[in-house]
Amino acid sequence: MSVSIDWLAFVQVFVAAILAASVVVFFYAAGLRLLVRAGRVPVVIPATFTDALTVMTPKEQKRAAKAAKKAAKKNPLSPAQKRVALVSAYGSFAVCGLVVLGGLLLILFNH
């Protein structure tokens, strides 16, 4: 029994995976940054675990929401600039989704 490895195919898959992961991470980070610049700071309430341990108390959650609201008011951008940043953020998230969808389509239809 002999096992042969197609090293060229292995390298192609490795490079494609690294590139796709880099693109997704870059555009997701850029989307979050643009979302904050547009004045839409995402405040995520932490999950409550089954053993009743929480990451943030309700008081800390209120404080974080208040700080996000205050930061949105201090935004120096004009309404037009905020709109451009918001559309760009959504575009960045769309690129992330398209990369993931493209990867799934490659897996499903390329064999």
PDB file of N, CA and C in Angstrom:
ATOM      1  N   MET A   1       0.838  -1.174   0.000  1.00  0.00           N
ATOM      2  CA  MET A   1       0.000   0.000   0.000  1.00  0.00           C
ATOM      3  C   MET A   1       0.887   1.244   0.000  1.00  0.00           C
ATOM      4  N   SER A   2       0.666   2.089  -0.967  1.00  0.00           N
ATOM      5  CA  SER A   2       1.474   3.288  -1.108  1.00  0.00           C
ATOM      6  C   SER A   2       0.579   4.518  -1.050  1.00  0.00           C
ATOM      7  N   VAL A   3       0.980   5.474  -0.273  1.00  0.00           N
ATOM      8  CA  VAL A   3       0.231   6.723  -0.155  1.00  0.00           C
ATOM      9  C   VAL A   3       1.043   7.816  -0.828  1.00  0.00           C
ATOM     10  N   SER A   4       0.419   8.475  -1.785  1.00  0.00           N
ATOM     11  CA  SER A   4       1.122   9.581  -2.433  1.00  0.00           C
ATOM     12  C   SER A   4       0.360  10.870  -2.157  1.00  0.00           C
ATOM     13  N   ILE A   5       1.086  11.909  -1.913  1.00  0.00           N
ATOM     14  CA  ILE A   5       0.505  13.208  -1.590  1.00  0.00           C
ATOM     15  C   ILE A   5       0.761  14.145  -2.750  1.00  0.00           C
ATOM     16  N   ASP A   6      -0.291  14.781  -3.196  1.00  0.00           N
ATOM     17  CA  ASP A   6      -0.166  15.788  -4.249  1.00  0.00           C
ATOM     18  C   ASP A   6       0.224  17.105  -3.564  1.00  0.00           C
ATOM     19  N   TRP A   7       1.537  17.365  -3.510  1.00  0.00           N
ATOM     20  CA  TRP A   7       2.034  18.505  -2.763  1.00  0.00           C
ATOM     21  C   TRP A   7       1.613  19.833  -3.373  1.00  0.00           C
ATOM     22  N   LEU A   8       1.480  19.885  -4.675  1.00  0.00           N
ATOM     23  CA  LEU A   8       1.042  21.118  -5.316  1.00  0.00           C
ATOM     24  C   LEU A   8      -0.389  21.463  -4.892  1.00  0.00           C
ATOM     25  N   ALA A   9      -1.255  20.485  -4.851  1.00  0.00           N
ATOM     26  CA  ALA A   9      -2.630  20.712  -4.403  1.00  0.00           C
ATOM     27  C   ALA A   9      -2.650  21.121  -2.933  1.00  0.00           C
ATOM     28  N   PHE A  10      -1.799  20.499  -2.136  1.00  0.00           N
ATOM     29  CA  PHE A  10      -1.713  20.843  -0.714  1.00  0.00           C
ATOM     30  C   PHE A  10      -1.309  22.306  -0.531  1.00  0.00           C
ATOM     31  N   VAL A  11      -0.306  22.746  -1.278  1.00  0.00           N
ATOM     32  CA  VAL A  11       0.150  24.133  -1.192  1.00  0.00           C
ATOM     33  C   VAL A  11      -0.937  25.095  -1.670  1.00  0.00           C
ATOM     34  N   GLN A  12      -1.656  24.724  -2.734  1.00  0.00           N
ATOM     35  CA  GLN A  12      -2.738  25.572  -3.232  1.00  0.00           C
ATOM     36  C   GLN A  12      -3.833  25.748  -2.185  1.00  0.00           C
ATOM     37  N   VAL A  13      -4.209  24.675  -1.532  1.00  0.00           N
ATOM     38  CA  VAL A  13      -5.241  24.754  -0.490  1.00  0.00           C
ATOM     39  C   VAL A  13      -4.737  25.572   0.694  1.00  0.00           C
ATOM     40  N   PHE A  14      -3.482  25.379   1.071  1.00  0.00           N
ATOM     41  CA  PHE A  14      -2.910  26.128   2.182  1.00  0.00           C
ATOM     42  C   PHE A  14      -2.892  27.631   1.901  1.00  0.00           C
ATOM     43  N   VAL A  15      -2.440  28.014   0.716  1.00  0.00           N
ATOM     44  CA  VAL A  15      -2.372  29.429   0.343  1.00  0.00           C
ATOM     45  C   VAL A  15      -3.775  30.027   0.257  1.00  0.00           C
ATOM     46  N   ALA A  16      -4.715  29.293  -0.316  1.00  0.00           N
ATOM     47  CA  ALA A  16      -6.088  29.787  -0.411  1.00  0.00           C
ATOM     48  C   ALA A  16      -6.707  29.983   0.970  1.00  0.00           C
ATOM     49  N   ALA A  17      -6.442  29.071   1.880  1.00  0.00           N
ATOM     50  CA  ALA A  17      -6.987  29.187   3.238  1.00  0.00           C
ATOM     51  C   ALA A  17      -6.391  30.385   3.967  1.00  0.00           C
ATOM     52  N   ILE A  18      -5.086  30.590   3.840  1.00  0.00           N
ATOM     53  CA  ILE A  18      -4.440  31.728   4.494  1.00  0.00           C
ATOM     54  C   ILE A  18      -4.961  33.045   3.916  1.00  0.00           C
ATOM     55  N   LEU A  19      -5.077  33.119   2.594  1.00  0.00           N
ATOM     56  CA  LEU A  19      -5.586  34.344   1.965  1.00  0.00           C
ATOM     57  C   LEU A  19      -7.033  34.627   2.358  1.00  0.00           C
ATOM     58  N   ALA A  20      -7.869  33.607   2.328  1.00  0.00           N
ATOM     59  CA  ALA A  20      -9.275  33.803   2.676  1.00  0.00           C
ATOM     60  C   ALA A  20      -9.419  34.228   4.137  1.00  0.00           C
ATOM     61  N   ALA A  21      -8.676  33.602   5.019  1.00  0.00           N
ATOM     62  CA  ALA A  21      -8.740  33.981   6.434  1.00  0.00           C
ATOM     63  C   ALA A  21      -8.255  35.413   6.636  1.00  0.00           C
ATOM     64  N   SER A  22      -7.199  35.788   5.952  1.00  0.00           N
ATOM     65  CA  SER A  22      -6.683  37.158   6.066  1.00  0.00           C
ATOM     66  C   SER A  22      -7.695  38.181   5.551  1.00  0.00           C
ATOM     67  N   VAL A  23      -8.331  37.880   4.430  1.00  0.00           N
ATOM     68  CA  VAL A  23      -9.327  38.806   3.864  1.00  0.00           C
ATOM     69  C   VAL A  23     -10.509  38.963   4.813  1.00  0.00           C
ATOM     70  N   VAL A  24     -10.989  37.850   5.358  1.00  0.00           N
ATOM     71  CA  VAL A  24     -12.139  37.916   6.269  1.00  0.00           C
ATOM     72  C   VAL A  24     -11.788  38.709   7.523  1.00  0.00           C
ATOM     73  N   VAL A  25     -10.643  38.446   8.116  1.00  0.00           N
ATOM     74  CA  VAL A  25     -10.246  39.162   9.336  1.00  0.00           C
ATOM     75  C   VAL A  25     -10.050  40.647   9.046  1.00  0.00           C
ATOM     76  N   PHE A  26      -9.400  40.974   7.936  1.00  0.00           N
ATOM     77  CA  PHE A  26      -9.159  42.376   7.595  1.00  0.00           C
ATOM     78  C   PHE A  26     -10.474  43.132   7.395  1.00  0.00           C
ATOM     79  N   PHE A  27     -11.362  42.581   6.578  1.00  0.00           N
ATOM     80  CA  PHE A  27     -12.593  43.298   6.275  1.00  0.00           C
ATOM     81  C   PHE A  27     -13.553  43.330   7.469  1.00  0.00           C
ATOM     82  N   TYR A  28     -13.533  42.304   8.316  1.00  0.00           N
ATOM     83  CA  TYR A  28     -14.371  42.341   9.512  1.00  0.00           C
ATOM     84  C   TYR A  28     -13.872  43.423  10.477  1.00  0.00           C
ATOM     85  N   ALA A  29     -12.556  43.491  10.664  1.00  0.00           N
ATOM     86  CA  ALA A  29     -11.988  44.524  11.537  1.00  0.00           C
ATOM     87  C   ALA A  29     -12.248  45.916  10.970  1.00  0.00           C
ATOM     88  N   ALA A  30     -12.089  46.066   9.652  1.00  0.00           N
ATOM     89  CA  ALA A  30     -12.360  47.360   9.026  1.00  0.00           C
ATOM     90  C   ALA A  30     -13.835  47.724   9.156  1.00  0.00           C
ATOM     91  N   GLY A  31     -14.717  46.734   9.013  1.00  0.00           N
ATOM     92  CA  GLY A  31     -16.146  46.981   9.165  1.00  0.00           C
ATOM     93  C   GLY A  31     -16.498  47.432  10.572  1.00  0.00           C
ATOM     94  N   LEU A  32     -15.915  46.791  11.581  1.00  0.00           N
ATOM     95  CA  LEU A  32     -16.165  47.212  12.963  1.00  0.00           C
ATOM     96  C   LEU A  32     -15.635  48.623  13.207  1.00  0.00           C
ATOM     97  N   ARG A  33     -14.464  48.903  12.692  1.00  0.00           N
ATOM     98  CA  ARG A  33     -13.879  50.238  12.864  1.00  0.00           C
ATOM     99  C   ARG A  33     -14.751  51.305  12.206  1.00  0.00           C
ATOM    100  N   LEU A  34     -15.226  51.034  10.983  1.00  0.00           N
ATOM    101  CA  LEU A  34     -16.084  51.992  10.295  1.00  0.00           C
ATOM    102  C   LEU A  34     -17.440  52.126  10.977  1.00  0.00           C
ATOM    103  N   LEU A  35     -17.925  51.034  11.551  1.00  0.00           N
ATOM    104  CA  LEU A  35     -19.194  51.078  12.276  1.00  0.00           C
ATOM    105  C   LEU A  35     -19.084  52.000  13.490  1.00  0.00           C
ATOM    106  N   VAL A  36     -17.969  51.927  14.180  1.00  0.00           N
ATOM    107  CA  VAL A  36     -17.738  52.811  15.328  1.00  0.00           C
ATOM    108  C   VAL A  36     -17.591  54.252  14.863  1.00  0.00           C
ATOM    109  N   ARG A  37     -16.882  54.477  13.766  1.00  0.00           N
ATOM    110  CA  ARG A  37     -16.717  55.838  13.234  1.00  0.00           C
ATOM    111  C   ARG A  37     -18.043  56.430  12.792  1.00  0.00           C
ATOM    112  N   ALA A  38     -18.986  55.569  12.390  1.00  0.00           N
ATOM    113  CA  ALA A  38     -20.296  56.041  11.959  1.00  0.00           C
ATOM    114  C   ALA A  38     -21.206  56.344  13.144  1.00  0.00           C
ATOM    115  N   GLY A  39     -20.729  56.085  14.355  1.00  0.00           N
ATOM    116  CA  GLY A  39     -21.523  56.370  15.546  1.00  0.00           C
ATOM    117  C   GLY A  39     -22.423  55.226  15.974  1.00  0.00           C
ATOM    118  N   ARG A  40     -22.212  54.062  15.447  1.00  0.00           N
ATOM    119  CA  ARG A  40     -23.011  52.885  15.799  1.00  0.00           C
ATOM    120  C   ARG A  40     -22.146  51.896  16.573  1.00  0.00           C
ATOM    121  N   VAL A  41     -21.792  52.242  17.786  1.00  0.00           N
ATOM    122  CA  VAL A  41     -20.909  51.399  18.592  1.00  0.00           C
ATOM    123  C   VAL A  41     -21.665  50.142  18.993  1.00  0.00           C
ATOM    124  N   PRO A  42     -21.169  48.961  18.597  1.00  0.00           N
ATOM    125  CA  PRO A  42     -21.869  47.731  18.988  1.00  0.00           C
ATOM    126  C   PRO A  42     -21.591  47.396  20.448  1.00  0.00           C
ATOM    127  N   VAL A  43     -22.643  47.331  21.232  1.00  0.00           N
ATOM    128  CA  VAL A  43     -22.530  46.928  22.634  1.00  0.00           C
ATOM    129  C   VAL A  43     -23.112  45.528  22.732  1.00  0.00           C
ATOM    130  N   VAL A  44     -22.276  44.565  23.064  1.00  0.00           N
ATOM    131  CA  VAL A  44     -22.701  43.179  23.130  1.00  0.00           C
ATOM    132  C   VAL A  44     -22.810  42.781  24.591  1.00  0.00           C
ATOM    133  N   ILE A  45     -23.999  42.362  24.975  1.00  0.00           N
ATOM    134  CA  ILE A  45     -24.213  41.912  26.353  1.00  0.00           C
ATOM    135  C   ILE A  45     -23.667  40.490  26.460  1.00  0.00           C
ATOM    136  N   PRO A  46     -22.789  40.227  27.417  1.00  0.00           N
ATOM    137  CA  PRO A  46     -22.194  38.900  27.532  1.00  0.00           C
ATOM    138  C   PRO A  46     -23.236  37.840  27.893  1.00  0.00           C
ATOM    139  N   ALA A  47     -22.936  36.631  27.499  1.00  0.00           N
ATOM    140  CA  ALA A  47     -23.828  35.516  27.777  1.00  0.00           C
ATOM    141  C   ALA A  47     -23.746  35.128  29.246  1.00  0.00           C
ATOM    142  N   THR A  48     -24.840  34.612  29.751  1.00  0.00           N
ATOM    143  CA  THR A  48     -24.867  34.078  31.109  1.00  0.00           C
ATOM    144  C   THR A  48     -24.602  32.583  31.002  1.00  0.00           C
ATOM    145  N   PHE A  49     -23.640  32.110  31.738  1.00  0.00           N
ATOM    146  CA  PHE A  49     -23.271  30.711  31.663  1.00  0.00           C
ATOM    147  C   PHE A  49     -24.192  29.867  32.534  1.00  0.00           C
ATOM    148  N   THR A  50     -24.170  28.574  32.312  1.00  0.00           N
ATOM    149  CA  THR A  50     -25.091  27.684  33.025  1.00  0.00           C
ATOM    150  C   THR A  50     -24.824  27.629  34.525  1.00  0.00           C
ATOM    151  N   ASP A  51     -23.630  27.940  34.946  1.00  0.00           N
ATOM    152  CA  ASP A  51     -23.339  27.904  36.375  1.00  0.00           C
ATOM    153  C   ASP A  51     -23.561  29.269  37.023  1.00  0.00           C
ATOM    154  N   ALA A  52     -24.376  30.114  36.392  1.00  0.00           N
ATOM    155  CA  ALA A  52     -24.782  31.425  36.905  1.00  0.00           C
ATOM    156  C   ALA A  52     -23.612  32.395  37.029  1.00  0.00           C
ATOM    157  N   LEU A  53     -22.566  32.195  36.255  1.00  0.00           N
ATOM    158  CA  LEU A  53     -21.430  33.105  36.229  1.00  0.00           C
ATOM    159  C   LEU A  53     -21.616  34.061  35.060  1.00  0.00           C
ATOM    160  N   THR A  54     -21.552  35.355  35.322  1.00  0.00           N
ATOM    161  CA  THR A  54     -21.681  36.320  34.237  1.00  0.00           C
ATOM    162  C   THR A  54     -20.384  37.093  34.095  1.00  0.00           C
ATOM    163  N   VAL A  55     -20.125  37.537  32.895  1.00  0.00           N
ATOM    164  CA  VAL A  55     -18.910  38.278  32.632  1.00  0.00           C
ATOM    165  C   VAL A  55     -19.054  39.713  33.130  1.00  0.00           C
ATOM    166  N   MET A  56     -20.221  40.325  32.914  1.00  0.00           N
ATOM    167  CA  MET A  56     -20.475  41.699  33.340  1.00  0.00           C
ATOM    168  C   MET A  56     -21.761  41.747  34.161  1.00  0.00           C
ATOM    169  N   THR A  57     -21.742  42.564  35.179  1.00  0.00           N
ATOM    170  CA  THR A  57     -22.956  42.766  35.961  1.00  0.00           C
ATOM    171  C   THR A  57     -23.893  43.695  35.188  1.00  0.00           C
ATOM    172  N   PRO A  58     -25.176  43.704  35.527  1.00  0.00           N
ATOM    173  CA  PRO A  58     -26.086  44.639  34.850  1.00  0.00           C
ATOM    174  C   PRO A  58     -25.645  46.098  34.979  1.00  0.00           C
ATOM    175  N   LYS A  59     -25.038  46.451  36.111  1.00  0.00           N
ATOM    176  CA  LYS A  59     -24.546  47.813  36.297  1.00  0.00           C
ATOM    177  C   LYS A  59     -23.427  48.126  35.302  1.00  0.00           C
ATOM    178  N   GLU A  60     -22.525  47.156  35.095  1.00  0.00           N
ATOM    179  CA  GLU A  60     -21.444  47.340  34.132  1.00  0.00           C
ATOM    180  C   GLU A  60     -21.982  47.408  32.711  1.00  0.00           C
ATOM    181  N   GLN A  61     -23.040  46.656  32.422  1.00  0.00           N
ATOM    182  CA  GLN A  61     -23.658  46.693  31.098  1.00  0.00           C
ATOM    183  C   GLN A  61     -24.253  48.069  30.824  1.00  0.00           C
ATOM    184  N   LYS A  62     -24.921  48.650  31.834  1.00  0.00           N
ATOM    185  CA  LYS A  62     -25.487  49.994  31.681  1.00  0.00           C
ATOM    186  C   LYS A  62     -24.380  51.017  31.459  1.00  0.00           C
ATOM    187  N   ARG A  63     -23.295  50.859  32.206  1.00  0.00           N
ATOM    188  CA  ARG A  63     -22.174  51.784  32.082  1.00  0.00           C
ATOM    189  C   ARG A  63     -21.565  51.705  30.680  1.00  0.00           C
ATOM    190  N   ALA A  64     -21.434  50.500  30.143  1.00  0.00           N
ATOM    191  CA  ALA A  64     -20.873  50.332  28.794  1.00  0.00           C
ATOM    192  C   ALA A  64     -21.798  50.935  27.742  1.00  0.00           C
ATOM    193  N   ALA A  65     -23.102  50.746  27.909  1.00  0.00           N
ATOM    194  CA  ALA A  65     -24.055  51.323  26.956  1.00  0.00           C
ATOM    195  C   ALA A  65     -24.028  52.844  27.018  1.00  0.00           C
ATOM    196  N   LYS A  66     -23.908  53.393  28.229  1.00  0.00           N
ATOM    197  CA  LYS A  66     -23.843  54.843  28.407  1.00  0.00           C
ATOM    198  C   LYS A  66     -22.570  55.407  27.778  1.00  0.00           C
ATOM    199  N   ALA A  67     -21.457  54.699  27.969  1.00  0.00           N
ATOM    200  CA  ALA A  67     -20.189  55.150  27.384  1.00  0.00           C
ATOM    201  C   ALA A  67     -20.251  55.108  25.861  1.00  0.00           C
ATOM    202  N   ALA A  68     -20.903  54.090  25.302  1.00  0.00           N
ATOM    203  CA  ALA A  68     -21.033  53.997  23.848  1.00  0.00           C
ATOM    204  C   ALA A  68     -21.896  55.133  23.315  1.00  0.00           C
ATOM    205  N   LYS A  69     -22.960  55.456  24.031  1.00  0.00           N
ATOM    206  CA  LYS A  69     -23.834  56.554  23.612  1.00  0.00           C
ATOM    207  C   LYS A  69     -23.093  57.891  23.670  1.00  0.00           C
ATOM    208  N   LYS A  70     -22.298  58.080  24.721  1.00  0.00           N
ATOM    209  CA  LYS A  70     -21.529  59.306  24.875  1.00  0.00           C
ATOM    210  C   LYS A  70     -20.474  59.424  23.765  1.00  0.00           C
ATOM    211  N   ALA A  71     -19.835  58.308  23.425  1.00  0.00           N
ATOM    212  CA  ALA A  71     -18.826  58.323  22.354  1.00  0.00           C
ATOM    213  C   ALA A  71     -19.467  58.643  21.005  1.00  0.00           C
ATOM    214  N   ALA A  72     -20.689  58.158  20.808  1.00  0.00           N
ATOM    215  CA  ALA A  72     -21.379  58.443  19.542  1.00  0.00           C
ATOM    216  C   ALA A  72     -21.691  59.934  19.417  1.00  0.00           C
ATOM    217  N   LYS A  73     -21.993  60.595  20.532  1.00  0.00           N
ATOM    218  CA  LYS A  73     -22.285  62.030  20.506  1.00  0.00           C
ATOM    219  C   LYS A  73     -21.029  62.855  20.227  1.00  0.00           C
ATOM    220  N   LYS A  74     -19.861  62.362  20.644  1.00  0.00           N
ATOM    221  CA  LYS A  74     -18.613  63.105  20.488  1.00  0.00           C
ATOM    222  C   LYS A  74     -17.990  62.914  19.100  1.00  0.00           C
ATOM    223  N   ASN A  75     -18.653  62.207  18.223  1.00  0.00           N
ATOM    224  CA  ASN A  75     -18.115  61.907  16.906  1.00  0.00           C
ATOM    225  C   ASN A  75     -17.935  63.196  16.103  1.00  0.00           C
ATOM    226  N   PRO A  76     -16.719  63.477  15.616  1.00  0.00           N
ATOM    227  CA  PRO A  76     -16.472  64.734  14.901  1.00  0.00           C
ATOM    228  C   PRO A  76     -16.890  64.712  13.426  1.00  0.00           C
ATOM    229  N   LEU A  77     -17.398  63.600  12.953  1.00  0.00           N
ATOM    230  CA  LEU A  77     -17.737  63.495  11.535  1.00  0.00           C
ATOM    231  C   LEU A  77     -19.064  64.184  11.233  1.00  0.00           C
ATOM    232  N   SER A  78     -19.184  64.672  10.010  1.00  0.00           N
ATOM    233  CA  SER A  78     -20.441  65.261   9.565  1.00  0.00           C
ATOM    234  C   SER A  78     -21.432  64.133   9.284  1.00  0.00           C
ATOM    235  N   PRO A  79     -22.723  64.456   9.179  1.00  0.00           N
ATOM    236  CA  PRO A  79     -23.699  63.399   8.867  1.00  0.00           C
ATOM    237  C   PRO A  79     -23.402  62.667   7.554  1.00  0.00           C
ATOM    238  N   ALA A  80     -22.905  63.374   6.550  1.00  0.00           N
ATOM    239  CA  ALA A  80     -22.567  62.720   5.281  1.00  0.00           C
ATOM    240  C   ALA A  80     -21.398  61.749   5.457  1.00  0.00           C
ATOM    241  N   GLN A  81     -20.397  62.157   6.240  1.00  0.00           N
ATOM    242  CA  GLN A  81     -19.254  61.279   6.493  1.00  0.00           C
ATOM    243  C   GLN A  81     -19.680  60.057   7.296  1.00  0.00           C
ATOM    244  N   LYS A  82     -20.584  60.254   8.238  1.00  0.00           N
ATOM    245  CA  LYS A  82     -21.098  59.118   9.007  1.00  0.00           C
ATOM    246  C   LYS A  82     -21.830  58.148   8.099  1.00  0.00           C
ATOM    247  N   ARG A  83     -22.607  58.671   7.153  1.00  0.00           N
ATOM    248  CA  ARG A  83     -23.355  57.826   6.225  1.00  0.00           C
ATOM    249  C   ARG A  83     -22.394  57.017   5.356  1.00  0.00           C
ATOM    250  N   VAL A  84     -21.334  57.668   4.874  1.00  0.00           N
ATOM    251  CA  VAL A  84     -20.332  56.966   4.055  1.00  0.00           C
ATOM    252  C   VAL A  84     -19.645  55.878   4.875  1.00  0.00           C
ATOM    253  N   ALA A  85     -19.311  56.181   6.120  1.00  0.00           N
ATOM    254  CA  ALA A  85     -18.671  55.194   6.990  1.00  0.00           C
ATOM    255  C   ALA A  85     -19.606  54.014   7.249  1.00  0.00           C
ATOM    256  N   LEU A  86     -20.895  54.291   7.434  1.00  0.00           N
ATOM    257  CA  LEU A  86     -21.861  53.228   7.698  1.00  0.00           C
ATOM    258  C   LEU A  86     -22.027  52.328   6.469  1.00  0.00           C
ATOM    259  N   VAL A  87     -22.148  52.935   5.300  1.00  0.00           N
ATOM    260  CA  VAL A  87     -22.280  52.149   4.069  1.00  0.00           C
ATOM    261  C   VAL A  87     -21.004  51.335   3.825  1.00  0.00           C
ATOM    262  N   SER A  88     -19.852  51.925   4.096  1.00  0.00           N
ATOM    263  CA  SER A  88     -18.583  51.206   3.932  1.00  0.00           C
ATOM    264  C   SER A  88     -18.478  50.043   4.915  1.00  0.00           C
ATOM    265  N   ALA A  89     -18.962  50.247   6.138  1.00  0.00           N
ATOM    266  CA  ALA A  89     -18.947  49.164   7.127  1.00  0.00           C
ATOM    267  C   ALA A  89     -19.798  48.002   6.649  1.00  0.00           C
ATOM    268  N   TYR A  90     -21.014  48.301   6.176  1.00  0.00           N
ATOM    269  CA  TYR A  90     -21.873  47.241   5.669  1.00  0.00           C
ATOM    270  C   TYR A  90     -21.254  46.567   4.446  1.00  0.00           C
ATOM    271  N   GLY A  91     -20.561  47.347   3.614  1.00  0.00           N
ATOM    272  CA  GLY A  91     -19.861  46.773   2.468  1.00  0.00           C
ATOM    273  C   GLY A  91     -18.748  45.830   2.901  1.00  0.00           C
ATOM    274  N   SER A  92     -18.031  46.202   3.954  1.00  0.00           N
ATOM    275  CA  SER A  92     -16.964  45.335   4.475  1.00  0.00           C
ATOM    276  C   SER A  92     -17.533  44.025   5.001  1.00  0.00           C
ATOM    277  N   PHE A  93     -18.661  44.109   5.709  1.00  0.00           N
ATOM    278  CA  PHE A  93     -19.297  42.885   6.199  1.00  0.00           C
ATOM    279  C   PHE A  93     -19.804  42.039   5.033  1.00  0.00           C
ATOM    280  N   ALA A  94     -20.263  42.688   3.971  1.00  0.00           N
ATOM    281  CA  ALA A  94     -20.723  41.953   2.788  1.00  0.00           C
ATOM    282  C   ALA A  94     -19.558  41.214   2.124  1.00  0.00           C
ATOM    283  N   VAL A  95     -18.388  41.846   2.078  1.00  0.00           N
ATOM    284  CA  VAL A  95     -17.210  41.181   1.515  1.00  0.00           C
ATOM    285  C   VAL A  95     -16.875  39.937   2.335  1.00  0.00           C
ATOM    286  N   CYS A  96     -16.961  40.040   3.656  1.00  0.00           N
ATOM    287  CA  CYS A  96     -16.719  38.870   4.514  1.00  0.00           C
ATOM    288  C   CYS A  96     -17.691  37.743   4.165  1.00  0.00           C
ATOM    289  N   GLY A  97     -18.950  38.088   4.041  1.00  0.00           N
ATOM    290  CA  GLY A  97     -19.951  37.079   3.702  1.00  0.00           C
ATOM    291  C   GLY A  97     -19.716  36.462   2.336  1.00  0.00           C
ATOM    292  N   LEU A  98     -19.312  37.278   1.365  1.00  0.00           N
ATOM    293  CA  LEU A  98     -19.046  36.754   0.028  1.00  0.00           C
ATOM    294  C   LEU A  98     -17.840  35.818   0.010  1.00  0.00           C
ATOM    295  N   VAL A  99     -16.827  36.135   0.802  1.00  0.00           N
ATOM    296  CA  VAL A  99     -15.654  35.248   0.872  1.00  0.00           C
ATOM    297  C   VAL A  99     -16.051  33.907   1.474  1.00  0.00           C
ATOM    298  N   VAL A 100     -16.834  33.940   2.536  1.00  0.00           N
ATOM    299  CA  VAL A 100     -17.289  32.685   3.155  1.00  0.00           C
ATOM    300  C   VAL A 100     -18.174  31.909   2.183  1.00  0.00           C
ATOM    301  N   LEU A 101     -19.098  32.597   1.528  1.00  0.00           N
ATOM    302  CA  LEU A 101     -19.970  31.942   0.557  1.00  0.00           C
ATOM    303  C   LEU A 101     -19.162  31.365  -0.603  1.00  0.00           C
ATOM    304  N   GLY A 102     -18.168  32.110  -1.076  1.00  0.00           N
ATOM    305  CA  GLY A 102     -17.299  31.599  -2.142  1.00  0.00           C
ATOM    306  C   GLY A 102     -16.550  30.346  -1.718  1.00  0.00           C
ATOM    307  N   GLY A 103     -16.076  30.332  -0.490  1.00  0.00           N
ATOM    308  CA  GLY A 103     -15.393  29.138   0.018  1.00  0.00           C
ATOM    309  C   GLY A 103     -16.321  27.939   0.084  1.00  0.00           C
ATOM    310  N   LEU A 104     -17.548  28.174   0.533  1.00  0.00           N
ATOM    311  CA  LEU A 104     -18.519  27.080   0.584  1.00  0.00           C
ATOM    312  C   LEU A 104     -18.854  26.566  -0.815  1.00  0.00           C
ATOM    313  N   LEU A 105     -19.002  27.480  -1.760  1.00  0.00           N
ATOM    314  CA  LEU A 105     -19.292  27.061  -3.131  1.00  0.00           C
ATOM    315  C   LEU A 105     -18.129  26.266  -3.730  1.00  0.00           C
ATOM    316  N   LEU A 106     -16.903  26.679  -3.413  1.00  0.00           N
ATOM    317  CA  LEU A 106     -15.737  25.906  -3.873  1.00  0.00           C
ATOM    318  C   LEU A 106     -15.742  24.491  -3.307  1.00  0.00           C
ATOM    319  N   ILE A 107     -16.090  24.389  -2.040  1.00  0.00           N
ATOM    320  CA  ILE A 107     -16.115  23.073  -1.401  1.00  0.00           C
ATOM    321  C   ILE A 107     -17.222  22.211  -2.012  1.00  0.00           C
ATOM    322  N   LEU A 108     -18.391  22.799  -2.219  1.00  0.00           N
ATOM    323  CA  LEU A 108     -19.530  22.020  -2.711  1.00  0.00           C
ATOM    324  C   LEU A 108     -19.413  21.618  -4.170  1.00  0.00           C
ATOM    325  N   PHE A 109     -18.927  22.508  -5.032  1.00  0.00           N
ATOM    326  CA  PHE A 109     -18.999  22.273  -6.472  1.00  0.00           C
ATOM    327  C   PHE A 109     -17.645  22.035  -7.145  1.00  0.00           C
ATOM    328  N   ASN A 110     -16.586  21.926  -6.402  1.00  0.00           N
ATOM    329  CA  ASN A 110     -15.270  21.758  -7.020  1.00  0.00           C
ATOM    330  C   ASN A 110     -14.646  20.407  -6.701  1.00  0.00           C
ATOM    331  N   HIS A 111     -15.427  19.355  -6.882  1.00  0.00           N
ATOM    332  CA  HIS A 111     -14.842  18.029  -6.705  1.00  0.00           C
ATOM    333  C   HIS A 111     -15.444  17.021  -7.615  1.00  0.00           C
TER     334      HIS A 111
END
